[in-house]
Amino acid sequence: MAAGQLTGKLAGALAGLNRGDRDVVLLSVLGDLSHAEVAAALGVPAGTVASRLNRARKQLRKALGDVNPLEEIHG
């Protein structure tokens, strides 16, 4: 699936995430921040960032038919 085809589906899938998970995804992937930087920005432990990102990736893959949109964006 081309990145352009993912745009609408990805937007919908991101909207389906809870706010904390979505914030972590956006800061990590689009903001290109490290877990430590995301943790500092959100005022949460780095472990929380890792667990939120893992949960969000699973939800996004499921919503997009087992495509990892985070790899598609940076791939």
PDB file of N, CA and C in Angstrom:
ATOM      1  N   MET A   1       0.847  -1.175   0.000  1.00  0.00           N
ATOM      2  CA  MET A   1       0.000   0.000   0.000  1.00  0.00           C
ATOM      3  C   MET A   1       0.891   1.237   0.000  1.00  0.00           C
ATOM      4  N   ALA A   2       0.636   2.134  -0.896  1.00  0.00           N
ATOM      5  CA  ALA A   2       1.425   3.363  -0.989  1.00  0.00           C
ATOM      6  C   ALA A   2       1.074   4.309   0.150  1.00  0.00           C
ATOM      7  N   ALA A   3       2.033   5.132   0.507  1.00  0.00           N
ATOM      8  CA  ALA A   3       1.824   6.076   1.610  1.00  0.00           C
ATOM      9  C   ALA A   3       0.626   6.982   1.347  1.00  0.00           C
ATOM     10  N   GLY A   4       0.422   7.384   0.102  1.00  0.00           N
ATOM     11  CA  GLY A   4      -0.706   8.244  -0.233  1.00  0.00           C
ATOM     12  C   GLY A   4      -2.045   7.585   0.040  1.00  0.00           C
ATOM     13  N   GLN A   5      -2.116   6.267  -0.150  1.00  0.00           N
ATOM     14  CA  GLN A   5      -3.351   5.543   0.112  1.00  0.00           C
ATOM     15  C   GLN A   5      -3.636   5.441   1.607  1.00  0.00           C
ATOM     16  N   LEU A   6      -2.606   5.537   2.418  1.00  0.00           N
ATOM     17  CA  LEU A   6      -2.774   5.425   3.860  1.00  0.00           C
ATOM     18  C   LEU A   6      -3.280   6.705   4.506  1.00  0.00           C
ATOM     19  N   THR A   7      -3.155   7.814   3.835  1.00  0.00           N
ATOM     20  CA  THR A   7      -3.428   9.111   4.452  1.00  0.00           C
ATOM     21  C   THR A   7      -4.792   9.182   5.122  1.00  0.00           C
ATOM     22  N   GLY A   8      -5.851   8.918   4.397  1.00  0.00           N
ATOM     23  CA  GLY A   8      -7.195   9.001   4.963  1.00  0.00           C
ATOM     24  C   GLY A   8      -7.428   7.956   6.033  1.00  0.00           C
ATOM     25  N   LYS A   9      -7.004   6.726   5.758  1.00  0.00           N
ATOM     26  CA  LYS A   9      -7.167   5.653   6.736  1.00  0.00           C
ATOM     27  C   LYS A   9      -6.343   5.926   7.982  1.00  0.00           C
ATOM     28  N   LEU A  10      -5.154   6.437   7.797  1.00  0.00           N
ATOM     29  CA  LEU A  10      -4.288   6.735   8.929  1.00  0.00           C
ATOM     30  C   LEU A  10      -4.889   7.836   9.793  1.00  0.00           C
ATOM     31  N   ALA A  11      -5.426   8.865   9.165  1.00  0.00           N
ATOM     32  CA  ALA A  11      -6.057   9.948   9.923  1.00  0.00           C
ATOM     33  C   ALA A  11      -7.202   9.417  10.768  1.00  0.00           C
ATOM     34  N   GLY A  12      -8.009   8.554  10.191  1.00  0.00           N
ATOM     35  CA  GLY A  12      -9.115   7.957  10.928  1.00  0.00           C
ATOM     36  C   GLY A  12      -8.631   7.072  12.058  1.00  0.00           C
ATOM     37  N   ALA A  13      -7.582   6.286  11.787  1.00  0.00           N
ATOM     38  CA  ALA A  13      -7.028   5.402  12.810  1.00  0.00           C
ATOM     39  C   ALA A  13      -6.414   6.204  13.952  1.00  0.00           C
ATOM     40  N   LEU A  14      -5.724   7.280  13.624  1.00  0.00           N
ATOM     41  CA  LEU A  14      -5.156   8.140  14.663  1.00  0.00           C
ATOM     42  C   LEU A  14      -6.253   8.774  15.511  1.00  0.00           C
ATOM     43  N   ALA A  15      -7.328   9.180  14.868  1.00  0.00           N
ATOM     44  CA  ALA A  15      -8.437   9.776  15.601  1.00  0.00           C
ATOM     45  C   ALA A  15      -9.071   8.776  16.561  1.00  0.00           C
ATOM     46  N   GLY A  16      -8.954   7.486  16.246  1.00  0.00           N
ATOM     47  CA  GLY A  16      -9.514   6.447  17.091  1.00  0.00           C
ATOM     48  C   GLY A  16      -8.681   6.119  18.323  1.00  0.00           C
ATOM     49  N   LEU A  17      -7.450   6.624  18.366  1.00  0.00           N
ATOM     50  CA  LEU A  17      -6.595   6.382  19.532  1.00  0.00           C
ATOM     51  C   LEU A  17      -7.014   7.294  20.682  1.00  0.00           C
ATOM     52  N   ASN A  18      -6.728   6.850  21.915  1.00  0.00           N
ATOM     53  CA  ASN A  18      -6.976   7.773  23.019  1.00  0.00           C
ATOM     54  C   ASN A  18      -5.924   8.887  22.940  1.00  0.00           C
ATOM     55  N   ARG A  19      -6.211   9.976  23.607  1.00  0.00           N
ATOM     56  CA  ARG A  19      -5.371  11.176  23.469  1.00  0.00           C
ATOM     57  C   ARG A  19      -3.918  10.927  23.847  1.00  0.00           C
ATOM     58  N   GLY A  20      -3.678  10.215  24.946  1.00  0.00           N
ATOM     59  CA  GLY A  20      -2.312   9.963  25.383  1.00  0.00           C
ATOM     60  C   GLY A  20      -1.516   9.170  24.366  1.00  0.00           C
ATOM     61  N   ASP A  21      -2.139   8.132  23.804  1.00  0.00           N
ATOM     62  CA  ASP A  21      -1.467   7.318  22.790  1.00  0.00           C
ATOM     63  C   ASP A  21      -1.210   8.129  21.530  1.00  0.00           C
ATOM     64  N   ARG A  22      -2.208   8.902  21.125  1.00  0.00           N
ATOM     65  CA  ARG A  22      -2.073   9.723  19.915  1.00  0.00           C
ATOM     66  C   ARG A  22      -0.962  10.759  20.082  1.00  0.00           C
ATOM     67  N   ASP A  23      -0.897  11.389  21.254  1.00  0.00           N
ATOM     68  CA  ASP A  23       0.157  12.378  21.501  1.00  0.00           C
ATOM     69  C   ASP A  23       1.543  11.757  21.381  1.00  0.00           C
ATOM     70  N   VAL A  24       1.691  10.557  21.936  1.00  0.00           N
ATOM     71  CA  VAL A  24       2.985   9.871  21.870  1.00  0.00           C
ATOM     72  C   VAL A  24       3.346   9.554  20.422  1.00  0.00           C
ATOM     73  N   VAL A  25       2.391   9.053  19.662  1.00  0.00           N
ATOM     74  CA  VAL A  25       2.656   8.734  18.249  1.00  0.00           C
ATOM     75  C   VAL A  25       3.066   9.992  17.486  1.00  0.00           C
ATOM     76  N   LEU A  26       2.310  11.044  17.646  1.00  0.00           N
ATOM     77  CA  LEU A  26       2.604  12.261  16.885  1.00  0.00           C
ATOM     78  C   LEU A  26       3.958  12.860  17.251  1.00  0.00           C
ATOM     79  N   LEU A  27       4.260  12.901  18.538  1.00  0.00           N
ATOM     80  CA  LEU A  27       5.554  13.453  18.954  1.00  0.00           C
ATOM     81  C   LEU A  27       6.710  12.554  18.542  1.00  0.00           C
ATOM     82  N   SER A  28       6.517  11.244  18.650  1.00  0.00           N
ATOM     83  CA  SER A  28       7.585  10.297  18.312  1.00  0.00           C
ATOM     84  C   SER A  28       7.854  10.247  16.817  1.00  0.00           C
ATOM     85  N   VAL A  29       6.777  10.080  16.064  1.00  0.00           N
ATOM     86  CA  VAL A  29       6.932   9.832  14.628  1.00  0.00           C
ATOM     87  C   VAL A  29       7.028  11.130  13.833  1.00  0.00           C
ATOM     88  N   LEU A  30       6.065  11.994  14.003  1.00  0.00           N
ATOM     89  CA  LEU A  30       6.075  13.233  13.217  1.00  0.00           C
ATOM     90  C   LEU A  30       7.035  14.258  13.791  1.00  0.00           C
ATOM     91  N   GLY A  31       7.144  14.285  15.123  1.00  0.00           N
ATOM     92  CA  GLY A  31       8.067  15.210  15.771  1.00  0.00           C
ATOM     93  C   GLY A  31       9.486  14.699  15.822  1.00  0.00           C
ATOM     94  N   ASP A  32       9.658  13.394  15.507  1.00  0.00           N
ATOM     95  CA  ASP A  32      10.968  12.747  15.500  1.00  0.00           C
ATOM     96  C   ASP A  32      11.691  12.910  16.842  1.00  0.00           C
ATOM     97  N   LEU A  33      10.910  12.796  17.939  1.00  0.00           N
ATOM     98  CA  LEU A  33      11.485  12.910  19.271  1.00  0.00           C
ATOM     99  C   LEU A  33      11.798  11.536  19.838  1.00  0.00           C
ATOM    100  N   SER A  34      12.802  11.468  20.695  1.00  0.00           N
ATOM    101  CA  SER A  34      13.140  10.220  21.386  1.00  0.00           C
ATOM    102  C   SER A  34      12.112   9.960  22.477  1.00  0.00           C
ATOM    103  N   HIS A  35      12.132   8.744  23.027  1.00  0.00           N
ATOM    104  CA  HIS A  35      11.220   8.429  24.135  1.00  0.00           C
ATOM    105  C   HIS A  35      11.439   9.397  25.292  1.00  0.00           C
ATOM    106  N   ALA A  36      12.689   9.704  25.587  1.00  0.00           N
ATOM    107  CA  ALA A  36      13.007  10.624  26.687  1.00  0.00           C
ATOM    108  C   ALA A  36      12.455  12.020  26.410  1.00  0.00           C
ATOM    109  N   GLU A  37      12.573  12.476  25.175  1.00  0.00           N
ATOM    110  CA  GLU A  37      12.055  13.805  24.812  1.00  0.00           C
ATOM    111  C   GLU A  37      10.533  13.854  24.872  1.00  0.00           C
ATOM    112  N   VAL A  38       9.890  12.777  24.409  1.00  0.00           N
ATOM    113  CA  VAL A  38       8.429  12.710  24.476  1.00  0.00           C
ATOM    114  C   VAL A  38       7.989  12.691  25.934  1.00  0.00           C
ATOM    115  N   ALA A  39       8.683  11.905  26.751  1.00  0.00           N
ATOM    116  CA  ALA A  39       8.358  11.818  28.178  1.00  0.00           C
ATOM    117  C   ALA A  39       8.447  13.193  28.838  1.00  0.00           C
ATOM    118  N   ALA A  40       9.504  13.923  28.530  1.00  0.00           N
ATOM    119  CA  ALA A  40       9.678  15.259  29.102  1.00  0.00           C
ATOM    120  C   ALA A  40       8.577  16.206  28.619  1.00  0.00           C
ATOM    121  N   ALA A  41       8.232  16.129  27.352  1.00  0.00           N
ATOM    122  CA  ALA A  41       7.207  17.011  26.791  1.00  0.00           C
ATOM    123  C   ALA A  41       5.834  16.743  27.406  1.00  0.00           C
ATOM    124  N   LEU A  42       5.552  15.468  27.683  1.00  0.00           N
ATOM    125  CA  LEU A  42       4.238  15.108  28.206  1.00  0.00           C
ATOM    126  C   LEU A  42       4.203  15.003  29.728  1.00  0.00           C
ATOM    127  N   GLY A  43       5.372  15.048  30.357  1.00  0.00           N
ATOM    128  CA  GLY A  43       5.428  14.947  31.812  1.00  0.00           C
ATOM    129  C   GLY A  43       5.089  13.562  32.334  1.00  0.00           C
ATOM    130  N   VAL A  44       5.498  12.533  31.575  1.00  0.00           N
ATOM    131  CA  VAL A  44       5.256  11.148  31.980  1.00  0.00           C
ATOM    132  C   VAL A  44       6.582  10.397  31.947  1.00  0.00           C
ATOM    133  N   PRO A  45       6.666   9.238  32.627  1.00  0.00           N
ATOM    134  CA  PRO A  45       7.897   8.443  32.573  1.00  0.00           C
ATOM    135  C   PRO A  45       8.153   7.883  31.170  1.00  0.00           C
ATOM    136  N   ALA A  46       9.421   7.635  30.858  1.00  0.00           N
ATOM    137  CA  ALA A  46       9.789   7.080  29.546  1.00  0.00           C
ATOM    138  C   ALA A  46       9.143   5.718  29.325  1.00  0.00           C
ATOM    139  N   GLY A  47       8.975   4.940  30.377  1.00  0.00           N
ATOM    140  CA  GLY A  47       8.312   3.643  30.254  1.00  0.00           C
ATOM    141  C   GLY A  47       6.865   3.782  29.802  1.00  0.00           C
ATOM    142  N   THR A  48       6.220   4.837  30.240  1.00  0.00           N
ATOM    143  CA  THR A  48       4.841   5.102  29.815  1.00  0.00           C
ATOM    144  C   THR A  48       4.808   5.425  28.327  1.00  0.00           C
ATOM    145  N   VAL A  49       5.789   6.163  27.868  1.00  0.00           N
ATOM    146  CA  VAL A  49       5.884   6.483  26.436  1.00  0.00           C
ATOM    147  C   VAL A  49       6.026   5.196  25.634  1.00  0.00           C
ATOM    148  N   ALA A  50       6.904   4.305  26.069  1.00  0.00           N
ATOM    149  CA  ALA A  50       7.135   3.051  25.356  1.00  0.00           C
ATOM    150  C   ALA A  50       5.862   2.207  25.308  1.00  0.00           C
ATOM    151  N   SER A  51       5.151   2.101  26.434  1.00  0.00           N
ATOM    152  CA  SER A  51       3.946   1.274  26.449  1.00  0.00           C
ATOM    153  C   SER A  51       2.832   1.903  25.610  1.00  0.00           C
ATOM    154  N   ARG A  52       2.710   3.223  25.648  1.00  0.00           N
ATOM    155  CA  ARG A  52       1.692   3.895  24.824  1.00  0.00           C
ATOM    156  C   ARG A  52       1.996   3.724  23.341  1.00  0.00           C
ATOM    157  N   LEU A  53       3.261   3.842  22.971  1.00  0.00           N
ATOM    158  CA  LEU A  53       3.633   3.694  21.575  1.00  0.00           C
ATOM    159  C   LEU A  53       3.385   2.267  21.093  1.00  0.00           C
ATOM    160  N   ASN A  54       3.712   1.295  21.924  1.00  0.00           N
ATOM    161  CA  ASN A  54       3.474  -0.103  21.567  1.00  0.00           C
ATOM    162  C   ASN A  54       1.978  -0.361  21.379  1.00  0.00           C
ATOM    163  N   ARG A  55       1.164   0.117  22.316  1.00  0.00           N
ATOM    164  CA  ARG A  55      -0.286  -0.066  22.224  1.00  0.00           C
ATOM    165  C   ARG A  55      -0.833   0.631  20.978  1.00  0.00           C
ATOM    166  N   ALA A  56      -0.371   1.828  20.715  1.00  0.00           N
ATOM    167  CA  ALA A  56      -0.847   2.574  19.545  1.00  0.00           C
ATOM    168  C   ALA A  56      -0.478   1.869  18.248  1.00  0.00           C
ATOM    169  N   ARG A  57       0.731   1.344  18.164  1.00  0.00           N
ATOM    170  CA  ARG A  57       1.147   0.615  16.951  1.00  0.00           C
ATOM    171  C   ARG A  57       0.229  -0.574  16.696  1.00  0.00           C
ATOM    172  N   LYS A  58      -0.094  -1.318  17.755  1.00  0.00           N
ATOM    173  CA  LYS A  58      -0.989  -2.469  17.596  1.00  0.00           C
ATOM    174  C   LYS A  58      -2.360  -2.029  17.103  1.00  0.00           C
ATOM    175  N   GLN A  59      -2.888  -0.960  17.684  1.00  0.00           N
ATOM    176  CA  GLN A  59      -4.208  -0.469  17.285  1.00  0.00           C
ATOM    177  C   GLN A  59      -4.190   0.056  15.853  1.00  0.00           C
ATOM    178  N   LEU A  60      -3.126   0.751  15.490  1.00  0.00           N
ATOM    179  CA  LEU A  60      -3.031   1.279  14.129  1.00  0.00           C
ATOM    180  C   LEU A  60      -2.898   0.161  13.108  1.00  0.00           C
ATOM    181  N   ARG A  61      -2.078  -0.846  13.416  1.00  0.00           N
ATOM    182  CA  ARG A  61      -1.953  -1.995  12.504  1.00  0.00           C
ATOM    183  C   ARG A  61      -3.301  -2.655  12.285  1.00  0.00           C
ATOM    184  N   LYS A  62      -4.032  -2.878  13.366  1.00  0.00           N
ATOM    185  CA  LYS A  62      -5.336  -3.522  13.272  1.00  0.00           C
ATOM    186  C   LYS A  62      -6.290  -2.676  12.427  1.00  0.00           C
ATOM    187  N   ALA A  63      -6.319  -1.389  12.666  1.00  0.00           N
ATOM    188  CA  ALA A  63      -7.218  -0.492  11.932  1.00  0.00           C
ATOM    189  C   ALA A  63      -6.862  -0.399  10.450  1.00  0.00           C
ATOM    190  N   LEU A  64      -5.589  -0.615  10.129  1.00  0.00           N
ATOM    191  CA  LEU A  64      -5.127  -0.461   8.740  1.00  0.00           C
ATOM    192  C   LEU A  64      -4.873  -1.788   8.046  1.00  0.00           C
ATOM    193  N   GLY A  65      -5.339  -2.881   8.628  1.00  0.00           N
ATOM    194  CA  GLY A  65      -5.184  -4.180   7.972  1.00  0.00           C
ATOM    195  C   GLY A  65      -3.776  -4.714   8.022  1.00  0.00           C
ATOM    196  N   ASP A  66      -3.165  -4.688   9.181  1.00  0.00           N
ATOM    197  CA  ASP A  66      -1.825  -5.220   9.421  1.00  0.00           C
ATOM    198  C   ASP A  66      -0.713  -4.490   8.672  1.00  0.00           C
ATOM    199  N   VAL A  67      -0.955  -3.258   8.291  1.00  0.00           N
ATOM    200  CA  VAL A  67       0.081  -2.400   7.731  1.00  0.00           C
ATOM    201  C   VAL A  67       0.619  -1.563   8.875  1.00  0.00           C
ATOM    202  N   ASN A  68       1.935  -1.456   8.996  1.00  0.00           N
ATOM    203  CA  ASN A  68       2.512  -0.623  10.045  1.00  0.00           C
ATOM    204  C   ASN A  68       2.717   0.778   9.478  1.00  0.00           C
ATOM    205  N   PRO A  69       1.827   1.706   9.791  1.00  0.00           N
ATOM    206  CA  PRO A  69       1.915   3.040   9.206  1.00  0.00           C
ATOM    207  C   PRO A  69       3.153   3.804   9.674  1.00  0.00           C
ATOM    208  N   LEU A  70       3.672   3.435  10.830  1.00  0.00           N
ATOM    209  CA  LEU A  70       4.856   4.134  11.336  1.00  0.00           C
ATOM    210  C   LEU A  70       6.064   3.776  10.495  1.00  0.00           C
ATOM    211  N   GLU A  71       6.117   2.558   9.971  1.00  0.00           N
ATOM    212  CA  GLU A  71       7.198   2.196   9.061  1.00  0.00           C
ATOM    213  C   GLU A  71       6.980   2.813   7.684  1.00  0.00           C
ATOM    214  N   GLU A  72       5.725   2.895   7.251  1.00  0.00           N
ATOM    215  CA  GLU A  72       5.415   3.492   5.954  1.00  0.00           C
ATOM    216  C   GLU A  72       5.819   4.959   5.903  1.00  0.00           C
ATOM    217  N   ILE A  73       5.637   5.672   7.018  1.00  0.00           N
ATOM    218  CA  ILE A  73       5.962   7.093   7.045  1.00  0.00           C
ATOM    219  C   ILE A  73       7.468   7.291   6.956  1.00  0.00           C
ATOM    220  N   HIS A  74       8.228   6.508   7.722  1.00  0.00           N
ATOM    221  CA  HIS A  74       9.677   6.675   7.738  1.00  0.00           C
ATOM    222  C   HIS A  74      10.394   5.746   6.783  1.00  0.00           C
ATOM    223  N   GLY A  75       9.685   4.791   6.185  1.00  0.00           N
ATOM    224  CA  GLY A  75      10.312   3.793   5.323  1.00  0.00           C
ATOM    225  C   GLY A  75      10.807   4.348   4.092  1.00  0.00           C
TER     226      GLY A  75
END
